[in-house]
Protein backbone atom coordinates (compact mmCIF):
# COMPACT_ATOMS: atom_id res chain seq x y z
CA MET A 1 25.67 -24.15 16.91
CA GLU A 2 24.85 -20.46 16.52
CA PRO A 3 27.94 -18.23 16.18
CA LEU A 4 26.24 -15.26 17.86
CA ARG A 5 23.66 -14.97 20.64
CA VAL A 6 22.36 -11.70 22.07
CA SER A 7 20.54 -11.91 25.40
CA ALA A 8 16.87 -10.94 25.43
CA GLU A 9 17.64 -8.00 27.72
CA VAL A 10 20.32 -6.60 25.43
CA ALA A 11 18.32 -7.24 22.26
CA SER A 12 15.35 -5.38 23.74
CA ALA A 13 17.54 -2.41 24.74
CA VAL A 14 19.06 -2.24 21.24
CA ALA A 15 15.65 -2.41 19.56
CA GLU A 16 14.23 0.31 21.81
CA GLN A 17 17.42 2.44 21.61
CA ARG A 18 17.86 2.41 25.37
CA PRO A 19 21.28 3.07 26.98
CA LEU A 20 23.74 0.18 26.69
CA VAL A 21 27.34 -0.33 27.80
CA ALA A 22 29.49 -3.10 26.33
CA LEU A 23 31.96 -4.67 28.78
CA GLU A 24 34.97 -6.77 27.83
CA SER A 25 35.58 -10.11 29.51
CA THR A 26 39.38 -10.36 29.38
CA ILE A 27 39.44 -8.31 32.58
CA ILE A 28 37.43 -11.09 34.24
CA ALA A 29 39.35 -14.08 32.88
CA HIS A 30 42.89 -12.69 32.63
CA GLY A 31 43.13 -9.25 34.24
CA LEU A 32 42.13 -9.91 37.84
CA PRO A 33 42.86 -12.84 40.19
CA ARG A 34 40.19 -15.10 41.64
CA PRO A 35 37.88 -14.52 43.47
CA GLN A 36 38.13 -10.74 43.02
CA ASN A 37 37.48 -11.08 39.29
CA LEU A 38 33.91 -12.31 39.71
CA ASP A 39 33.15 -9.81 42.47
CA VAL A 40 34.39 -6.92 40.32
CA ALA A 41 32.45 -8.17 37.27
CA ARG A 42 29.22 -8.25 39.27
CA ARG A 43 29.84 -4.85 40.86
CA VAL A 44 30.58 -3.27 37.48
CA GLU A 45 27.36 -4.59 35.94
CA GLN A 46 25.39 -3.38 38.96
CA ALA A 47 26.97 0.09 38.74
CA VAL A 48 25.91 0.35 35.09
CA ARG A 49 22.34 -0.64 35.97
CA GLU A 50 22.13 1.84 38.84
CA LEU A 51 22.97 4.67 36.44
CA GLY A 52 20.20 3.74 34.02
CA ALA A 53 21.99 1.66 31.38
CA THR A 54 22.00 -2.03 30.47
CA PRO A 55 25.34 -3.87 30.83
CA ALA A 56 26.37 -6.14 27.96
CA THR A 57 29.36 -8.23 28.95
CA ILE A 58 30.68 -10.07 25.89
CA ALA A 59 32.44 -13.46 25.79
CA VAL A 60 32.64 -16.63 23.70
CA LEU A 61 30.91 -19.57 25.39
CA ALA A 62 31.37 -23.03 23.91
CA GLY A 63 31.79 -21.53 20.44
CA THR A 64 29.03 -18.91 20.65
CA VAL A 65 29.79 -15.21 20.85
CA THR A 66 27.46 -14.16 23.65
CA VAL A 67 26.41 -10.54 24.18
CA GLY A 68 24.95 -10.00 27.64
CA LEU A 69 26.04 -12.72 30.07
CA SER A 70 23.83 -14.21 32.75
CA ASP A 71 25.27 -14.50 36.25
CA HIS A 72 25.91 -18.19 35.65
CA GLU A 73 27.85 -17.32 32.50
CA LEU A 74 29.86 -14.67 34.36
CA VAL A 75 30.84 -17.38 36.83
CA GLU A 76 31.97 -19.64 33.97
CA VAL A 77 34.21 -16.96 32.48
CA ALA A 78 35.63 -16.11 35.90
CA GLU A 79 36.29 -19.66 37.09
CA ARG A 80 37.09 -21.86 34.08
CA ASP A 81 40.75 -22.64 33.37
CA ASP A 82 40.32 -23.01 29.60
CA VAL A 83 39.17 -19.48 28.71
CA ALA A 84 41.34 -18.19 25.86
CA LYS A 85 42.21 -14.52 25.36
CA LEU A 86 40.55 -13.47 22.10
CA SER A 87 41.18 -10.49 19.88
CA VAL A 88 39.24 -9.88 16.65
CA ARG A 89 41.38 -12.26 14.62
CA ASP A 90 40.74 -15.09 17.11
CA LEU A 91 36.94 -14.94 17.02
CA GLY A 92 36.44 -17.10 13.94
CA PRO A 93 38.78 -19.93 15.02
CA ALA A 94 37.40 -19.91 18.57
CA VAL A 95 33.81 -20.14 17.37
CA ALA A 96 34.60 -22.88 14.85
CA ALA A 97 36.46 -24.91 17.50
CA GLY A 98 33.71 -24.52 20.13
CA ARG A 99 36.06 -22.79 22.56
CA PHE A 100 35.49 -20.61 25.59
CA GLY A 101 37.09 -17.20 25.25
CA ALA A 102 37.32 -13.78 26.87
CA THR A 103 37.16 -10.82 24.52
CA THR A 104 39.76 -8.07 24.50
CA VAL A 105 38.93 -4.44 23.70
CA SER A 106 39.31 -5.10 19.97
CA ALA A 107 36.99 -8.12 19.91
CA THR A 108 34.48 -6.48 22.26
CA ALA A 109 34.39 -3.29 20.19
CA ARG A 110 33.87 -5.16 16.92
CA ILE A 111 31.05 -7.29 18.31
CA ALA A 112 29.45 -4.35 20.12
CA ARG A 113 29.21 -2.31 16.93
CA HIS A 114 27.98 -5.35 15.01
CA VAL A 115 24.94 -5.69 17.30
CA GLY A 116 24.30 -1.95 17.67
CA ILE A 117 25.99 -0.95 20.95
CA GLY A 118 27.76 2.41 20.83
CA VAL A 119 29.56 2.67 24.19
CA LEU A 120 32.24 0.42 25.68
CA ALA A 121 33.95 0.54 29.09
CA THR A 122 37.32 -1.00 29.84
CA GLY A 123 40.29 -0.53 32.14
CA GLY A 124 43.18 0.47 29.91
CA LEU A 125 43.66 0.17 26.16
CA GLY A 126 46.29 -1.92 24.47
CA GLY A 127 48.79 -0.08 22.32
CA VAL A 128 52.33 -0.04 21.00
CA HIS A 129 54.62 -2.17 23.14
CA ARG A 130 58.01 -1.04 24.31
CA GLU A 131 60.75 -2.23 21.95
CA ALA A 132 58.19 -2.31 19.12
CA ARG A 133 60.82 -0.92 16.76
CA ASN A 134 62.41 -4.36 16.97
CA THR A 135 59.43 -6.60 17.65
CA TRP A 136 56.60 -4.85 15.74
CA ASP A 137 54.44 -5.71 18.76
CA GLU A 138 51.28 -3.59 18.62
CA SER A 139 47.86 -4.35 20.03
CA PRO A 140 45.02 -4.92 17.55
CA ASP A 141 43.00 -2.59 19.80
CA LEU A 142 44.51 0.29 17.83
CA THR A 143 43.54 -0.69 14.30
CA THR A 144 40.13 -1.88 15.46
CA LEU A 145 39.44 1.48 17.10
CA GLY A 146 40.41 3.09 13.82
CA SER A 147 37.44 1.42 12.16
CA ALA A 148 34.89 0.86 14.97
CA GLY A 149 32.92 4.04 15.54
CA LEU A 150 31.98 3.80 19.19
CA VAL A 151 32.81 5.57 22.45
CA VAL A 152 35.44 3.83 24.59
CA VAL A 153 35.89 4.92 28.20
CA CYS A 154 39.26 3.94 29.63
CA ALA A 155 42.03 5.09 31.98
CA GLY A 156 44.28 5.82 29.02
CA VAL A 157 46.55 3.02 27.87
CA LYS A 158 48.30 0.55 30.11
CA SER A 159 51.39 2.08 31.70
CA ILE A 160 53.47 -0.92 30.60
CA LEU A 161 53.28 0.32 26.97
CA ASP A 162 55.07 2.91 24.84
CA ILE A 163 52.54 5.68 25.43
CA PRO A 164 53.97 8.36 23.10
CA ALA A 165 54.05 5.87 20.21
CA THR A 166 50.52 4.72 21.04
CA LEU A 167 49.16 8.27 20.93
CA GLU A 168 50.88 8.83 17.57
CA ARG A 169 49.24 5.69 16.17
CA LEU A 170 45.82 6.77 17.45
CA GLU A 171 46.27 10.12 15.70
CA THR A 172 47.22 8.36 12.46
CA LEU A 173 44.11 6.19 12.75
CA ASN A 174 41.86 9.27 13.23
CA VAL A 175 40.81 8.18 16.71
CA VAL A 176 39.53 11.11 18.79
CA VAL A 177 41.12 11.27 22.25
CA LEU A 178 39.29 13.28 24.91
CA GLY A 179 40.55 13.95 28.42
CA TYR A 180 37.73 13.73 30.95
CA ARG A 181 38.09 16.80 33.16
CA THR A 182 41.78 16.97 32.28
CA ARG A 183 44.17 17.88 29.48
CA GLN A 184 46.68 15.27 30.67
CA PHE A 185 46.59 11.76 29.25
CA PRO A 186 46.44 9.12 32.01
CA ALA A 187 48.53 5.97 32.14
CA PHE A 188 46.23 3.43 33.80
CA TYR A 189 47.74 3.15 37.32
CA LEU A 190 49.08 6.70 36.99
CA THR A 191 46.93 9.82 36.81
CA ASP A 192 49.28 11.59 34.40
CA SER A 193 51.49 10.01 31.75
CA GLY A 194 53.30 13.31 31.19
CA LEU A 195 51.60 13.71 27.81
CA SER A 196 48.72 16.02 26.97
CA VAL A 197 45.60 15.65 24.82
CA ASP A 198 44.12 18.21 22.44
CA TRP A 199 40.56 18.09 23.72
CA ARG A 200 38.99 18.19 27.17
CA VAL A 201 35.39 17.43 28.15
CA ASP A 202 33.83 18.03 31.55
CA ALA A 203 30.49 16.25 31.35
CA PRO A 204 28.92 13.18 29.67
CA ALA A 205 26.65 15.48 27.65
CA GLU A 206 29.71 17.02 25.98
CA VAL A 207 30.81 13.59 24.80
CA ALA A 208 27.34 12.97 23.38
CA ASP A 209 27.50 16.31 21.53
CA ILE A 210 30.83 15.33 19.97
CA VAL A 211 29.44 11.96 18.85
CA ARG A 212 26.43 13.63 17.23
CA ALA A 213 28.62 16.23 15.50
CA ARG A 214 30.82 13.47 14.04
CA GLU A 215 27.78 11.58 12.78
CA ALA A 216 26.33 14.70 11.16
CA LEU A 217 29.63 15.23 9.34
CA GLY A 218 30.11 11.60 8.31
CA ALA A 219 33.32 11.50 10.38
CA HIS A 220 32.28 8.71 12.74
CA ARG A 221 34.05 5.66 11.30
CA SER A 222 36.71 5.66 14.04
CA ALA A 223 36.32 5.55 17.81
CA VAL A 224 36.11 8.30 20.41
CA ILE A 225 38.32 7.57 23.42
CA VAL A 226 37.33 9.18 26.71
CA ALA A 227 40.41 9.05 28.96
CA ASN A 228 39.18 9.01 32.55
CA PRO A 229 42.10 9.26 35.01
CA LEU A 230 42.28 8.03 38.55
CA ALA A 231 42.32 10.73 41.20
CA PRO A 232 45.92 11.32 42.39
CA ALA A 233 45.05 9.91 45.82
CA ASP A 234 43.96 6.62 44.21
CA ALA A 235 46.88 6.25 41.78
CA LEU A 236 50.04 4.25 42.43
CA ASP A 237 53.13 6.00 43.70
CA ARG A 238 55.08 6.91 40.58
CA GLU A 239 58.47 5.80 41.91
CA GLN A 240 57.10 2.45 43.11
CA HIS A 241 55.35 1.99 39.79
CA GLU A 242 58.51 2.61 37.76
CA TRP A 243 60.84 0.26 39.61
CA THR A 244 58.18 -2.47 39.80
CA LEU A 245 57.48 -2.16 36.07
CA ARG A 246 61.18 -2.28 35.18
CA ALA A 247 61.58 -5.48 37.20
CA ALA A 248 58.47 -6.99 35.54
CA LEU A 249 59.68 -6.16 32.04
CA SER A 250 63.07 -7.73 32.77
CA ALA A 251 61.39 -10.88 34.09
CA ALA A 252 59.16 -11.11 31.01
CA GLU A 253 62.22 -10.78 28.77
CA ARG A 254 64.08 -13.52 30.65
CA GLN A 255 61.10 -15.83 30.24
CA GLY A 256 60.87 -15.08 26.52
CA LEU A 257 57.28 -13.86 26.71
CA ARG A 258 55.85 -12.25 23.59
CA GLY A 259 52.54 -10.95 22.24
CA LYS A 260 49.35 -11.51 24.20
CA ALA A 261 51.19 -13.39 26.98
CA VAL A 262 53.02 -10.25 28.11
CA THR A 263 50.17 -8.16 29.54
CA PRO A 264 48.67 -10.79 31.91
CA PHE A 265 52.17 -11.58 33.18
CA LEU A 266 52.98 -7.93 33.86
CA LEU A 267 49.63 -7.27 35.55
CA GLU A 268 50.05 -10.28 37.83
CA TRP A 269 53.60 -9.16 38.67
CA MET A 270 52.38 -5.67 39.50
CA HIS A 271 49.58 -7.02 41.71
CA ARG A 272 52.01 -9.21 43.63
CA GLU A 273 54.89 -6.77 44.02
CA THR A 274 52.72 -3.80 45.03
CA LYS A 275 51.08 -6.01 47.69
CA GLY A 276 47.65 -5.51 46.20
CA ALA A 277 47.83 -1.76 45.62
CA SER A 278 47.71 -2.16 41.83
CA LEU A 279 44.81 -4.64 42.16
CA GLU A 280 42.84 -2.10 44.18
CA ALA A 281 43.60 0.60 41.61
CA ASN A 282 42.66 -1.73 38.74
CA SER A 283 39.30 -2.58 40.31
CA LEU A 284 38.56 1.10 40.94
CA ILE A 285 39.50 2.00 37.36
CA ILE A 286 37.11 -0.56 35.90
CA ARG A 287 34.18 0.54 38.06
CA ARG A 288 34.72 4.28 37.49
CA ASN A 289 34.99 3.82 33.75
CA ALA A 290 31.82 1.72 33.64
CA GLU A 291 29.97 4.41 35.59
CA LEU A 292 31.11 7.16 33.23
CA ALA A 293 30.28 4.97 30.22
CA ALA A 294 26.76 4.47 31.58
CA GLU A 295 26.31 8.22 32.00
CA ILE A 296 27.48 8.81 28.42
CA ALA A 297 25.16 6.08 27.12
CA VAL A 298 22.23 7.71 28.91
CA GLU A 299 23.06 11.07 27.28
CA LEU A 300 23.36 9.51 23.84
CA ALA A 301 19.94 7.86 24.23
CA ARG A 302 18.29 11.22 24.90
CA ALA A 303 16.87 13.19 22.01
CA PRO A 304 19.16 16.16 21.27
CA GLU A 305 17.73 19.52 22.25
C-alpha cells in the first residue's frame, strides 16, 4: 500500500508549474449535509477549472493520502459513514490502519506543500476555542500555518471561536493576514468580526507580489492568509447569529463535547436553527474562496514583470 498518491493531472500541473488549488475534504465529509456536500464539492472544483487552475482535493482513501480526487472518489468521501476527520497528527495512524479520512486545513496544507502546491482554499480556519484558558483547546491549523508557507484563502476564522485570541496567535506564529478589499477581519458567517487587519489587498496580483517579496527575503516559512469576507447582503443577521451560537455552545457543553467533535456539532446546529441560511452562506463562502484562490494561483504561475 502506497502512503501517498498524486493524480496524473495534479502531478503534471506541478511538474509544469501550472496553477493549482488545494482543497480540503473535511468540508465534504463533515462540514455540509448530504446531498449538498457532493454538489458543492463538484461545483467548487468546476469553478477552479473555469478560472484556469487545476483543483486538487485531498483525502485519505483506504490508507492512501490522495491528492486530486476523481469524481468517484469525491462520491466516496461525501457518502461513506466511516470517514474520519484528520488533522496532521492523524495522518500517520490513518494511513497505517488503512482508514478513510477527510483532511482538515492543517492536514491539507501540510500535504499540499509536500507535493508542491502553493495555494489552498477553505471555508473558515480553525483557531483558539472559547474557554481555551481552561481547556487549552486550539486548532492545529494555527501551528501548521506557522510552518507551511502557502497562501490560504478563507472567510476568516469560524465565528464559533475566540477570534481576538486567534489573531494574536497568528501574529505570534508570523502568519501574514491580508484583508481582501477590506481592512476588517471577517468571521465566517459574518462580514465583519469587529477586528481589523494591518494589510489590505485589492487584487490577486497584489497577493502574488507579496508572496514573491517574502520568498526573495527568505521570509516565506509561514503562511499568507487572504481573508475574503462575504458581502453584507449574503452574511447572516448578526443578532440571529449570536443567539443561535450561544444556544449551540450551551448544547455542546451539556453534551460534554470536546476537541474535534465541537465544530461539526456547532455547524450542524447552525444549519438547522437558521433554517438553512447558514448552509447557504457556507456553500457560497467555499465557492467564492475557491474562485479567489484560483485567480491567485494563476497570478503566481505567471512570470513576474
